[in-house]
N, C-alpha and C. Protein backbone atom coordinates (compact mmCIF):
# COMPACT_ATOMS: atom_id res chain seq x y z
N MET A 1 74.00 52.57 33.84
CA MET A 1 72.80 51.81 34.20
C MET A 1 71.98 51.53 32.95
N LYS A 2 71.47 50.30 32.85
CA LYS A 2 70.66 49.97 31.69
C LYS A 2 69.35 50.74 31.74
N GLY A 3 68.75 50.91 30.55
CA GLY A 3 67.41 51.47 30.54
C GLY A 3 67.34 52.90 30.10
N PHE A 4 68.35 53.42 29.42
CA PHE A 4 68.27 54.78 28.91
C PHE A 4 67.33 54.80 27.70
N PHE A 5 66.35 55.69 27.74
CA PHE A 5 65.40 55.78 26.64
C PHE A 5 65.58 57.09 25.89
N LYS A 6 65.54 57.01 24.58
CA LYS A 6 65.68 58.19 23.75
C LYS A 6 64.42 59.04 23.83
N LEU A 7 64.51 60.24 23.23
CA LEU A 7 63.38 61.15 23.19
C LEU A 7 62.19 60.46 22.55
N PHE A 8 60.98 60.82 23.03
CA PHE A 8 59.72 60.25 22.55
C PHE A 8 59.55 58.79 22.98
N MET A 9 60.32 58.36 23.94
CA MET A 9 60.11 57.09 24.60
C MET A 9 60.40 55.87 23.73
N GLN A 10 61.10 56.01 22.63
CA GLN A 10 61.44 54.80 21.89
C GLN A 10 62.52 54.04 22.64
N ILE A 11 62.50 52.73 22.53
CA ILE A 11 63.42 51.87 23.26
C ILE A 11 64.71 51.75 22.47
N ILE A 12 65.85 51.95 23.12
CA ILE A 12 67.10 51.84 22.39
C ILE A 12 67.31 50.40 21.95
N ASP A 13 68.05 50.24 20.86
CA ASP A 13 68.14 48.97 20.16
C ASP A 13 68.60 47.82 21.06
N ASP A 14 69.67 48.02 21.83
CA ASP A 14 70.19 46.94 22.67
C ASP A 14 69.18 46.50 23.72
N ASP A 15 68.51 47.49 24.34
CA ASP A 15 67.51 47.15 25.34
C ASP A 15 66.34 46.41 24.70
N TYR A 16 65.94 46.85 23.51
CA TYR A 16 64.83 46.19 22.82
C TYR A 16 65.13 44.72 22.57
N ARG A 17 66.30 44.46 22.04
CA ARG A 17 66.63 43.08 21.69
C ARG A 17 66.81 42.20 22.94
N GLU A 18 67.39 42.78 23.98
CA GLU A 18 67.52 42.01 25.22
C GLU A 18 66.14 41.73 25.81
N PHE A 19 65.29 42.73 25.78
CA PHE A 19 63.94 42.57 26.31
C PHE A 19 63.19 41.46 25.58
N MET A 20 63.23 41.47 24.25
CA MET A 20 62.52 40.46 23.48
C MET A 20 63.09 39.07 23.72
N HIS A 21 64.39 39.00 23.91
CA HIS A 21 65.02 37.70 24.21
C HIS A 21 64.52 37.17 25.55
N LEU A 22 64.45 38.04 26.55
CA LEU A 22 64.01 37.62 27.88
C LEU A 22 62.52 37.26 27.89
N THR A 23 61.72 37.99 27.10
CA THR A 23 60.29 37.68 27.08
C THR A 23 60.05 36.28 26.53
N GLU A 24 60.82 35.90 25.54
CA GLU A 24 60.64 34.58 24.95
C GLU A 24 60.95 33.49 25.98
N GLN A 25 61.87 33.78 26.88
CA GLN A 25 62.26 32.81 27.90
C GLN A 25 61.34 32.79 29.12
N HIS A 26 60.84 33.97 29.51
CA HIS A 26 60.19 34.08 30.81
C HIS A 26 58.71 34.49 30.77
N MET A 27 58.22 34.93 29.65
CA MET A 27 56.84 35.40 29.59
C MET A 27 55.89 34.25 29.27
N ARG A 28 54.71 34.29 29.86
CA ARG A 28 53.70 33.27 29.55
C ARG A 28 53.42 33.29 28.05
N PRO A 29 53.34 32.13 27.41
CA PRO A 29 53.27 32.09 25.94
C PRO A 29 52.17 32.94 25.32
N ASP A 30 50.98 32.94 25.91
CA ASP A 30 49.90 33.74 25.32
C ASP A 30 50.19 35.23 25.42
N VAL A 31 50.80 35.65 26.52
CA VAL A 31 51.13 37.07 26.68
C VAL A 31 52.26 37.45 25.72
N TYR A 32 53.19 36.54 25.51
CA TYR A 32 54.26 36.77 24.53
C TYR A 32 53.68 37.00 23.14
N ARG A 33 52.66 36.22 22.79
CA ARG A 33 52.02 36.41 21.48
C ARG A 33 51.35 37.78 21.40
N CYS A 34 50.71 38.17 22.49
CA CYS A 34 50.05 39.48 22.52
C CYS A 34 51.08 40.60 22.42
N LEU A 35 52.21 40.43 23.10
CA LEU A 35 53.28 41.42 23.04
C LEU A 35 53.72 41.66 21.60
N TYR A 36 53.82 40.58 20.83
CA TYR A 36 54.27 40.72 19.45
C TYR A 36 53.31 41.58 18.62
N MET A 37 52.04 41.61 18.99
CA MET A 37 51.08 42.45 18.26
C MET A 37 51.46 43.92 18.39
N ILE A 38 51.87 44.32 19.60
CA ILE A 38 52.16 45.74 19.80
C ILE A 38 53.50 46.14 19.20
N THR A 39 54.36 45.16 18.86
CA THR A 39 55.60 45.53 18.18
C THR A 39 55.32 46.00 16.76
N PHE A 40 54.10 45.78 16.28
CA PHE A 40 53.70 46.27 14.97
C PHE A 40 52.95 47.59 15.06
N GLY A 41 53.07 48.27 16.18
CA GLY A 41 52.48 49.60 16.31
C GLY A 41 51.05 49.62 16.80
N LEU A 42 50.49 48.46 17.17
CA LEU A 42 49.14 48.44 17.71
C LEU A 42 49.12 49.03 19.11
N ARG A 43 48.02 49.67 19.45
CA ARG A 43 47.79 50.06 20.82
C ARG A 43 47.46 48.81 21.64
N ARG A 44 47.71 48.88 22.93
CA ARG A 44 47.42 47.73 23.80
C ARG A 44 45.97 47.28 23.65
N GLY A 45 45.05 48.22 23.72
CA GLY A 45 43.63 47.89 23.64
C GLY A 45 43.24 47.28 22.31
N GLU A 46 43.96 47.66 21.24
CA GLU A 46 43.68 47.09 19.92
C GLU A 46 44.12 45.63 19.84
N ALA A 47 45.24 45.32 20.48
CA ALA A 47 45.68 43.92 20.54
C ALA A 47 44.70 43.09 21.37
N TYR A 48 44.29 43.64 22.50
CA TYR A 48 43.31 42.95 23.34
C TYR A 48 41.99 42.72 22.60
N GLY A 49 41.67 43.60 21.67
CA GLY A 49 40.38 43.56 20.99
C GLY A 49 40.32 42.67 19.76
N LEU A 50 41.40 41.95 19.46
CA LEU A 50 41.42 41.11 18.26
C LEU A 50 40.46 39.92 18.41
N THR A 51 39.72 39.67 17.33
CA THR A 51 38.82 38.52 17.24
C THR A 51 39.10 37.80 15.93
N GLN A 52 38.54 36.60 15.79
CA GLN A 52 38.74 35.87 14.54
C GLN A 52 38.17 36.62 13.35
N ARG A 53 37.09 37.34 13.56
CA ARG A 53 36.48 38.09 12.46
C ARG A 53 37.45 39.13 11.88
N ASN A 54 38.33 39.64 12.73
CA ASN A 54 39.21 40.73 12.32
C ASN A 54 40.59 40.26 11.87
N ILE A 55 40.76 38.95 11.72
CA ILE A 55 42.05 38.39 11.29
C ILE A 55 41.84 37.59 10.01
N ARG A 56 42.64 37.89 9.00
CA ARG A 56 42.58 37.13 7.75
C ARG A 56 43.99 36.65 7.41
N PHE A 57 44.15 35.35 7.28
CA PHE A 57 45.45 34.79 6.91
C PHE A 57 45.58 34.82 5.39
N LEU A 58 46.67 35.44 4.91
CA LEU A 58 46.85 35.72 3.49
C LEU A 58 47.69 34.63 2.82
N PRO A 59 47.53 34.46 1.50
CA PRO A 59 48.32 33.47 0.76
C PRO A 59 49.83 33.67 0.89
N SER A 60 50.24 34.91 1.14
CA SER A 60 51.67 35.22 1.27
C SER A 60 52.28 34.66 2.55
N GLY A 61 51.43 34.20 3.46
CA GLY A 61 51.90 33.78 4.78
C GLY A 61 51.74 34.88 5.82
N HIS A 62 51.47 36.10 5.36
CA HIS A 62 51.20 37.21 6.27
C HIS A 62 49.78 37.08 6.81
N ALA A 63 49.46 37.94 7.76
CA ALA A 63 48.08 38.01 8.26
C ALA A 63 47.64 39.47 8.24
N ARG A 64 46.41 39.66 7.86
CA ARG A 64 45.82 41.00 7.82
C ARG A 64 44.94 41.18 9.06
N LEU A 65 45.17 42.28 9.78
CA LEU A 65 44.38 42.61 10.96
C LEU A 65 43.51 43.82 10.65
N ASP A 66 42.21 43.67 10.77
CA ASP A 66 41.30 44.80 10.63
C ASP A 66 41.08 45.38 12.02
N ILE A 67 41.66 46.54 12.27
CA ILE A 67 41.61 47.14 13.60
C ILE A 67 40.31 47.91 13.75
N LYS A 68 39.38 47.32 14.48
CA LYS A 68 38.05 47.92 14.62
C LYS A 68 37.61 48.05 16.08
N ILE A 69 38.12 47.17 16.94
CA ILE A 69 37.68 47.12 18.34
C ILE A 69 38.87 47.36 19.27
N SER A 70 38.61 48.08 20.35
CA SER A 70 39.64 48.31 21.37
C SER A 70 39.05 48.03 22.74
N ARG A 71 39.82 47.32 23.57
CA ARG A 71 39.43 47.09 24.96
C ARG A 71 40.27 48.01 25.84
N THR A 72 39.61 48.85 26.60
CA THR A 72 40.30 49.82 27.45
C THR A 72 39.79 49.71 28.88
N ARG A 73 40.40 50.48 29.76
CA ARG A 73 39.99 50.48 31.16
C ARG A 73 38.52 50.88 31.29
N ASP A 74 38.09 51.86 30.51
CA ASP A 74 36.71 52.33 30.59
C ASP A 74 35.74 51.43 29.82
N TYR A 75 36.28 50.67 28.85
CA TYR A 75 35.43 49.80 28.04
C TYR A 75 36.04 48.39 27.97
N PRO A 76 36.03 47.67 29.09
CA PRO A 76 36.65 46.34 29.11
C PRO A 76 35.96 45.33 28.20
N GLU A 77 34.69 45.58 27.86
CA GLU A 77 33.98 44.68 26.94
C GLU A 77 34.26 45.02 25.48
N GLY A 78 34.99 46.11 25.27
CA GLY A 78 35.35 46.51 23.92
C GLY A 78 34.43 47.58 23.37
N LYS A 79 35.00 48.42 22.52
CA LYS A 79 34.23 49.45 21.82
C LYS A 79 34.93 49.72 20.51
N SER A 80 34.24 50.46 19.64
CA SER A 80 34.86 50.83 18.38
C SER A 80 36.10 51.66 18.66
N VAL A 81 37.12 51.52 17.81
CA VAL A 81 38.36 52.25 18.02
C VAL A 81 38.11 53.74 18.09
N LYS A 82 39.08 54.48 18.64
CA LYS A 82 38.87 55.84 19.11
C LYS A 82 38.50 56.84 18.02
N SER A 83 38.83 56.58 16.77
CA SER A 83 38.50 57.52 15.70
C SER A 83 38.42 56.77 14.38
N SER A 84 37.90 57.45 13.35
CA SER A 84 37.81 56.81 12.03
C SER A 84 39.20 56.48 11.51
N ALA A 85 40.20 57.27 11.87
CA ALA A 85 41.57 57.00 11.44
C ALA A 85 42.12 55.73 12.09
N SER A 86 41.67 55.46 13.32
CA SER A 86 42.14 54.27 14.02
C SER A 86 41.58 52.99 13.41
N ASN A 87 40.46 53.12 12.70
CA ASN A 87 39.86 51.98 12.00
C ASN A 87 40.67 51.74 10.75
N ARG A 88 41.53 50.73 10.78
CA ARG A 88 42.53 50.61 9.73
C ARG A 88 42.94 49.15 9.53
N ILE A 89 43.87 48.94 8.62
CA ILE A 89 44.41 47.61 8.34
C ILE A 89 45.88 47.59 8.71
N VAL A 90 46.29 46.53 9.39
CA VAL A 90 47.69 46.28 9.70
C VAL A 90 48.03 44.89 9.16
N VAL A 91 49.16 44.77 8.50
CA VAL A 91 49.61 43.47 8.01
C VAL A 91 50.84 43.05 8.81
N VAL A 92 50.82 41.81 9.30
CA VAL A 92 51.93 41.29 10.10
C VAL A 92 52.63 40.17 9.34
N ASN A 93 53.88 39.91 9.70
CA ASN A 93 54.68 38.95 8.95
C ASN A 93 54.34 37.50 9.30
N GLU A 94 55.08 36.57 8.67
CA GLU A 94 54.79 35.14 8.83
C GLU A 94 54.93 34.68 10.28
N THR A 95 55.93 35.23 10.97
CA THR A 95 56.15 34.84 12.37
C THR A 95 54.93 35.16 13.22
N VAL A 96 54.42 36.37 13.07
CA VAL A 96 53.28 36.78 13.89
C VAL A 96 52.00 36.11 13.42
N ALA A 97 51.89 35.86 12.12
CA ALA A 97 50.73 35.12 11.62
C ALA A 97 50.65 33.75 12.29
N GLN A 98 51.80 33.11 12.45
CA GLN A 98 51.82 31.80 13.11
C GLN A 98 51.49 31.93 14.59
N LEU A 99 51.99 33.00 15.23
CA LEU A 99 51.66 33.23 16.64
C LEU A 99 50.16 33.42 16.81
N LEU A 100 49.55 34.14 15.89
CA LEU A 100 48.10 34.36 15.94
C LEU A 100 47.35 33.04 15.77
N ASN A 101 47.80 32.25 14.82
CA ASN A 101 47.16 30.95 14.60
C ASN A 101 47.27 30.07 15.84
N ASN A 102 48.46 30.10 16.47
CA ASN A 102 48.66 29.33 17.70
C ASN A 102 47.74 29.82 18.82
N GLN A 103 47.59 31.15 18.91
CA GLN A 103 46.75 31.72 19.96
C GLN A 103 45.29 31.32 19.77
N ILE A 104 44.82 31.37 18.54
CA ILE A 104 43.43 30.98 18.26
C ILE A 104 43.21 29.51 18.62
N THR A 105 44.17 28.67 18.24
CA THR A 105 44.07 27.24 18.56
C THR A 105 44.03 27.01 20.06
N GLU A 106 44.92 27.72 20.79
CA GLU A 106 44.96 27.55 22.25
C GLU A 106 43.68 28.04 22.90
N THR A 107 43.17 29.18 22.44
CA THR A 107 41.96 29.73 23.03
C THR A 107 40.76 28.84 22.76
N LYS A 108 40.69 28.27 21.57
CA LYS A 108 39.62 27.32 21.27
C LYS A 108 39.68 26.13 22.23
N SER A 109 40.89 25.66 22.51
CA SER A 109 41.06 24.54 23.43
C SER A 109 40.64 24.91 24.85
N LEU A 110 41.01 26.12 25.28
CA LEU A 110 40.62 26.58 26.61
C LEU A 110 39.11 26.69 26.73
N MET A 111 38.47 27.22 25.70
CA MET A 111 37.02 27.35 25.72
C MET A 111 36.35 25.98 25.71
N ALA A 112 36.91 25.06 24.95
CA ALA A 112 36.35 23.70 24.89
C ALA A 112 36.41 23.02 26.25
N SER A 113 37.46 23.34 27.03
CA SER A 113 37.58 22.74 28.36
C SER A 113 36.46 23.21 29.28
N GLU A 114 35.81 24.31 28.90
CA GLU A 114 34.67 24.84 29.65
C GLU A 114 33.35 24.52 28.94
N ASN A 115 33.43 23.61 27.96
CA ASN A 115 32.26 23.25 27.14
C ASN A 115 31.67 24.46 26.42
N LYS A 116 32.57 25.31 25.95
CA LYS A 116 32.17 26.49 25.20
C LYS A 116 32.89 26.50 23.86
N ILE A 117 32.39 27.33 22.97
CA ILE A 117 32.98 27.48 21.64
C ILE A 117 33.48 28.91 21.50
N LEU A 118 34.68 29.07 20.95
CA LEU A 118 35.19 30.41 20.67
C LEU A 118 34.45 30.97 19.47
N GLY A 119 33.62 31.97 19.72
CA GLY A 119 32.86 32.59 18.64
C GLY A 119 33.72 33.48 17.78
N ILE A 120 33.25 33.78 16.59
CA ILE A 120 34.02 34.59 15.66
C ILE A 120 34.25 36.00 16.19
N ASP A 121 33.38 36.47 17.09
CA ASP A 121 33.52 37.81 17.65
C ASP A 121 34.04 37.80 19.09
N ASP A 122 34.48 36.64 19.56
CA ASP A 122 35.07 36.56 20.90
C ASP A 122 36.54 36.95 20.86
N PHE A 123 37.01 37.59 21.91
CA PHE A 123 38.41 38.00 21.97
C PHE A 123 39.31 36.77 22.05
N ILE A 124 40.41 36.80 21.30
CA ILE A 124 41.29 35.62 21.27
C ILE A 124 42.29 35.61 22.41
N PHE A 125 42.55 36.77 23.02
CA PHE A 125 43.51 36.81 24.13
C PHE A 125 42.75 36.72 25.45
N ILE A 126 42.79 35.52 26.05
CA ILE A 126 42.10 35.28 27.31
C ILE A 126 43.08 34.66 28.31
N SER A 127 42.75 34.78 29.57
CA SER A 127 43.57 34.18 30.62
C SER A 127 43.39 32.67 30.61
N PRO A 128 44.49 31.91 30.63
CA PRO A 128 44.35 30.45 30.69
C PRO A 128 43.82 29.97 32.04
N VAL A 129 43.82 30.85 33.03
CA VAL A 129 43.33 30.50 34.37
C VAL A 129 41.83 30.78 34.49
N THR A 130 41.43 32.02 34.18
CA THR A 130 40.03 32.41 34.35
C THR A 130 39.18 32.14 33.12
N LYS A 131 39.83 31.95 31.99
CA LYS A 131 39.15 31.77 30.69
C LYS A 131 38.38 33.04 30.29
N GLN A 132 38.75 34.17 30.87
CA GLN A 132 38.14 35.46 30.57
C GLN A 132 39.13 36.34 29.82
N PRO A 133 38.63 37.33 29.06
CA PRO A 133 39.56 38.25 28.38
C PRO A 133 40.53 38.88 29.37
N TYR A 134 41.71 39.20 28.86
CA TYR A 134 42.76 39.77 29.70
C TYR A 134 42.25 40.93 30.56
N HIS A 135 42.74 40.97 31.80
CA HIS A 135 42.62 42.19 32.59
C HIS A 135 43.41 43.27 31.86
N ILE A 136 42.95 44.50 31.97
CA ILE A 136 43.56 45.59 31.21
C ILE A 136 45.06 45.72 31.48
N LYS A 137 45.51 45.39 32.67
CA LYS A 137 46.93 45.55 33.01
C LYS A 137 47.76 44.29 32.80
N THR A 138 47.17 43.25 32.23
CA THR A 138 47.90 41.99 32.06
C THR A 138 49.22 42.19 31.34
N LEU A 139 49.18 42.84 30.19
CA LEU A 139 50.39 43.03 29.40
C LEU A 139 51.39 43.92 30.13
N ASN A 140 50.91 45.00 30.73
CA ASN A 140 51.81 45.89 31.48
C ASN A 140 52.54 45.14 32.59
N ASP A 141 51.79 44.34 33.34
CA ASP A 141 52.38 43.64 34.48
C ASP A 141 53.45 42.65 34.03
N TRP A 142 53.17 41.90 32.98
CA TRP A 142 54.16 40.94 32.49
C TRP A 142 55.38 41.64 31.90
N MET A 143 55.15 42.74 31.18
CA MET A 143 56.27 43.48 30.61
C MET A 143 57.17 44.03 31.70
N GLN A 144 56.56 44.52 32.78
CA GLN A 144 57.38 45.12 33.83
C GLN A 144 58.15 44.06 34.60
N LYS A 145 57.63 42.83 34.66
CA LYS A 145 58.40 41.74 35.27
C LYS A 145 59.73 41.56 34.53
N ILE A 146 59.66 41.63 33.21
CA ILE A 146 60.88 41.52 32.41
C ILE A 146 61.71 42.78 32.57
N GLY A 147 61.05 43.94 32.59
CA GLY A 147 61.75 45.20 32.78
C GLY A 147 62.53 45.22 34.09
N ASP A 148 61.95 44.64 35.13
CA ASP A 148 62.64 44.59 36.42
C ASP A 148 63.93 43.79 36.34
N MET A 149 63.95 42.76 35.50
CA MET A 149 65.18 41.98 35.32
C MET A 149 66.28 42.84 34.69
N MET A 150 65.86 43.83 33.89
CA MET A 150 66.81 44.68 33.17
C MET A 150 67.03 46.02 33.87
N GLU A 151 66.30 46.25 34.98
CA GLU A 151 66.37 47.52 35.71
C GLU A 151 65.90 48.68 34.84
N ILE A 152 64.80 48.46 34.13
CA ILE A 152 64.19 49.52 33.33
C ILE A 152 62.69 49.54 33.58
N THR A 153 62.09 50.67 33.26
CA THR A 153 60.63 50.79 33.23
C THR A 153 60.19 50.70 31.78
N ILE A 154 59.20 49.87 31.51
CA ILE A 154 58.78 49.67 30.14
C ILE A 154 57.27 49.50 30.09
N THR A 155 56.64 50.08 29.08
CA THR A 155 55.19 50.01 28.92
C THR A 155 54.84 49.64 27.49
N PRO A 156 53.62 49.15 27.26
CA PRO A 156 53.22 48.82 25.89
C PRO A 156 53.34 49.98 24.92
N HIS A 157 53.00 51.19 25.36
CA HIS A 157 52.99 52.32 24.44
C HIS A 157 54.38 52.67 23.93
N MET A 158 55.41 52.33 24.68
CA MET A 158 56.78 52.58 24.22
C MET A 158 57.06 51.84 22.91
N PHE A 159 56.46 50.67 22.75
CA PHE A 159 56.69 49.90 21.54
C PHE A 159 56.08 50.59 20.32
N ARG A 160 55.00 51.29 20.52
CA ARG A 160 54.37 52.04 19.43
C ARG A 160 55.29 53.17 18.97
N HIS A 161 55.89 53.87 19.93
CA HIS A 161 56.84 54.92 19.59
C HIS A 161 58.08 54.34 18.91
N THR A 162 58.54 53.20 19.40
CA THR A 162 59.72 52.57 18.82
C THR A 162 59.47 52.17 17.38
N PHE A 163 58.32 51.55 17.13
CA PHE A 163 57.97 51.16 15.76
C PHE A 163 57.93 52.38 14.85
N ALA A 164 57.30 53.45 15.30
CA ALA A 164 57.17 54.66 14.49
C ALA A 164 58.54 55.26 14.19
N SER A 165 59.41 55.31 15.19
CA SER A 165 60.75 55.88 14.99
C SER A 165 61.56 55.05 14.01
N TYR A 166 61.47 53.73 14.14
CA TYR A 166 62.22 52.83 13.26
C TYR A 166 61.72 52.95 11.83
N ALA A 167 60.41 52.94 11.66
CA ALA A 167 59.83 53.03 10.31
C ALA A 167 60.18 54.36 9.66
N SER A 168 60.12 55.43 10.43
CA SER A 168 60.45 56.75 9.89
C SER A 168 61.91 56.83 9.48
N ALA A 169 62.79 56.25 10.30
CA ALA A 169 64.22 56.27 10.00
C ALA A 169 64.54 55.49 8.73
N LEU A 170 63.72 54.49 8.42
CA LEU A 170 63.92 53.70 7.21
C LEU A 170 63.31 54.35 5.97
N GLY A 171 62.67 55.48 6.17
CA GLY A 171 62.17 56.23 5.03
C GLY A 171 60.73 56.00 4.66
N ILE A 172 59.95 55.39 5.55
CA ILE A 172 58.52 55.23 5.28
C ILE A 172 57.89 56.61 5.15
N ASP A 173 57.10 56.79 4.11
CA ASP A 173 56.41 58.05 3.89
C ASP A 173 55.55 58.40 5.11
N ASN A 174 55.60 59.66 5.53
CA ASN A 174 54.89 60.06 6.74
C ASN A 174 53.39 59.80 6.66
N LEU A 175 52.83 59.97 5.47
CA LEU A 175 51.40 59.75 5.32
C LEU A 175 51.05 58.26 5.43
N GLN A 176 51.90 57.42 4.86
CA GLN A 176 51.68 55.99 5.00
C GLN A 176 51.79 55.56 6.46
N LEU A 177 52.78 56.10 7.13
CA LEU A 177 52.98 55.76 8.54
C LEU A 177 51.82 56.27 9.39
N GLN A 178 51.36 57.47 9.07
CA GLN A 178 50.22 58.04 9.78
C GLN A 178 49.01 57.12 9.69
N ARG A 179 48.78 56.61 8.48
CA ARG A 179 47.64 55.73 8.27
C ARG A 179 47.84 54.38 8.96
N TYR A 180 49.04 53.87 8.87
CA TYR A 180 49.34 52.55 9.45
C TYR A 180 49.13 52.56 10.96
N LEU A 181 49.56 53.64 11.61
CA LEU A 181 49.45 53.74 13.06
C LEU A 181 48.06 54.16 13.52
N GLY A 182 47.25 54.69 12.59
CA GLY A 182 45.91 55.09 12.95
C GLY A 182 45.84 56.39 13.71
N HIS A 183 46.77 57.30 13.43
CA HIS A 183 46.71 58.61 14.06
C HIS A 183 45.60 59.43 13.44
N SER A 184 44.94 60.22 14.26
CA SER A 184 43.83 61.03 13.78
C SER A 184 44.31 62.45 13.51
N ASP A 185 44.54 62.74 12.24
CA ASP A 185 44.99 64.07 11.83
C ASP A 185 44.35 64.37 10.48
N ILE A 186 43.51 65.37 10.43
CA ILE A 186 42.73 65.65 9.23
C ILE A 186 43.63 65.90 8.03
N ASP A 187 44.67 66.71 8.19
CA ASP A 187 45.55 67.04 7.07
C ASP A 187 46.26 65.80 6.53
N MET A 188 46.64 64.91 7.43
CA MET A 188 47.35 63.70 7.01
C MET A 188 46.40 62.69 6.39
N THR A 189 45.34 62.37 7.11
CA THR A 189 44.48 61.27 6.66
C THR A 189 43.66 61.64 5.44
N ALA A 190 43.59 62.92 5.09
CA ALA A 190 42.89 63.33 3.87
C ALA A 190 43.53 62.75 2.63
N HIS A 191 44.80 62.38 2.73
CA HIS A 191 45.54 61.85 1.58
C HIS A 191 45.35 60.34 1.42
N TYR A 192 44.57 59.74 2.31
CA TYR A 192 44.44 58.28 2.29
C TYR A 192 43.08 57.83 1.82
N THR A 193 43.05 56.64 1.24
CA THR A 193 41.81 55.90 1.04
C THR A 193 41.71 54.94 2.21
N LYS A 194 40.59 54.95 2.90
CA LYS A 194 40.46 54.16 4.12
C LYS A 194 40.69 52.67 3.86
N GLY A 195 41.51 52.04 4.73
CA GLY A 195 41.64 50.60 4.72
C GLY A 195 42.41 50.02 3.57
N LEU A 196 43.54 50.60 3.17
CA LEU A 196 44.31 50.04 2.06
C LEU A 196 45.27 48.97 2.55
N GLU A 197 45.03 47.74 2.15
CA GLU A 197 45.92 46.64 2.52
C GLU A 197 47.30 46.84 1.90
N ILE A 198 47.35 47.43 0.72
CA ILE A 198 48.63 47.61 0.04
C ILE A 198 49.55 48.53 0.83
N VAL A 199 48.99 49.54 1.48
CA VAL A 199 49.80 50.45 2.31
C VAL A 199 50.41 49.68 3.48
N ALA A 200 49.60 48.85 4.11
CA ALA A 200 50.09 48.05 5.23
C ALA A 200 51.19 47.09 4.80
N GLU A 201 51.06 46.52 3.60
CA GLU A 201 52.10 45.63 3.08
C GLU A 201 53.39 46.39 2.81
N ILE A 202 53.28 47.60 2.28
CA ILE A 202 54.46 48.42 2.00
C ILE A 202 55.24 48.69 3.29
N VAL A 203 54.52 49.09 4.33
CA VAL A 203 55.16 49.37 5.62
C VAL A 203 55.83 48.11 6.15
N LEU A 204 55.12 46.99 6.10
CA LEU A 204 55.68 45.74 6.61
C LEU A 204 56.95 45.36 5.86
N ASN A 205 56.93 45.45 4.55
CA ASN A 205 58.09 45.04 3.75
C ASN A 205 59.33 45.87 4.08
N VAL A 206 59.13 47.14 4.40
CA VAL A 206 60.27 48.00 4.71
C VAL A 206 60.82 47.74 6.11
N VAL A 207 59.93 47.52 7.07
CA VAL A 207 60.37 47.44 8.47
C VAL A 207 60.55 46.00 8.95
N ASP A 208 60.44 45.03 8.07
CA ASP A 208 60.47 43.63 8.50
C ASP A 208 61.74 43.27 9.26
N GLY A 209 62.85 43.94 8.97
CA GLY A 209 64.10 43.67 9.67
C GLY A 209 64.07 44.05 11.14
N PHE A 210 63.08 44.83 11.54
CA PHE A 210 62.94 45.26 12.93
C PHE A 210 62.79 44.07 13.87
N TRP A 211 62.23 42.96 13.36
CA TRP A 211 61.96 41.81 14.23
C TRP A 211 63.02 40.73 14.11
N LYS A 212 64.06 40.96 13.33
CA LYS A 212 65.07 39.93 13.09
C LYS A 212 66.32 40.18 13.92
């Protein structure tokens, strides 16, 4: 039966690739773009919390994400991320940078249809139907629709574990990975300077094959 998951909930390679293939075919485009954010180790709420202020498109074609806001069940309007360690920088590749640019363009268009302007601090992931920020379970529900096609159970947090396992297997330094994922551990984060873009670039360059 399909859907065997390894220890720590990482998704096995064949299931991962089949899942991503099916999402591209069957997932609503805006949700597909949001899904790609969590393949870089973001928490669901951190992806939901992205605004134009927190996205910088780099000359390299990559995009820098300043992870500062999280939307959760208890804080649907958003709040500061859960710890100082979670306040961090993530760099995404050219593919995701383009997806982000497309999402911003689409959201601006949706807001304009309501005679509104997408503010720099407004969330970029909104429902094309309600024009409101995603319901907290939006990503989960869409992911499970695809999971049902494969006869597996799948959640956003599994992608975080998968990213961490893949990066570790490729030899990413544990301290760099700790910082990239925003884990709160005093012994680990003591070795970091807060918000190093170069660390995020190092992680991206090593794990870039994960999305190919």
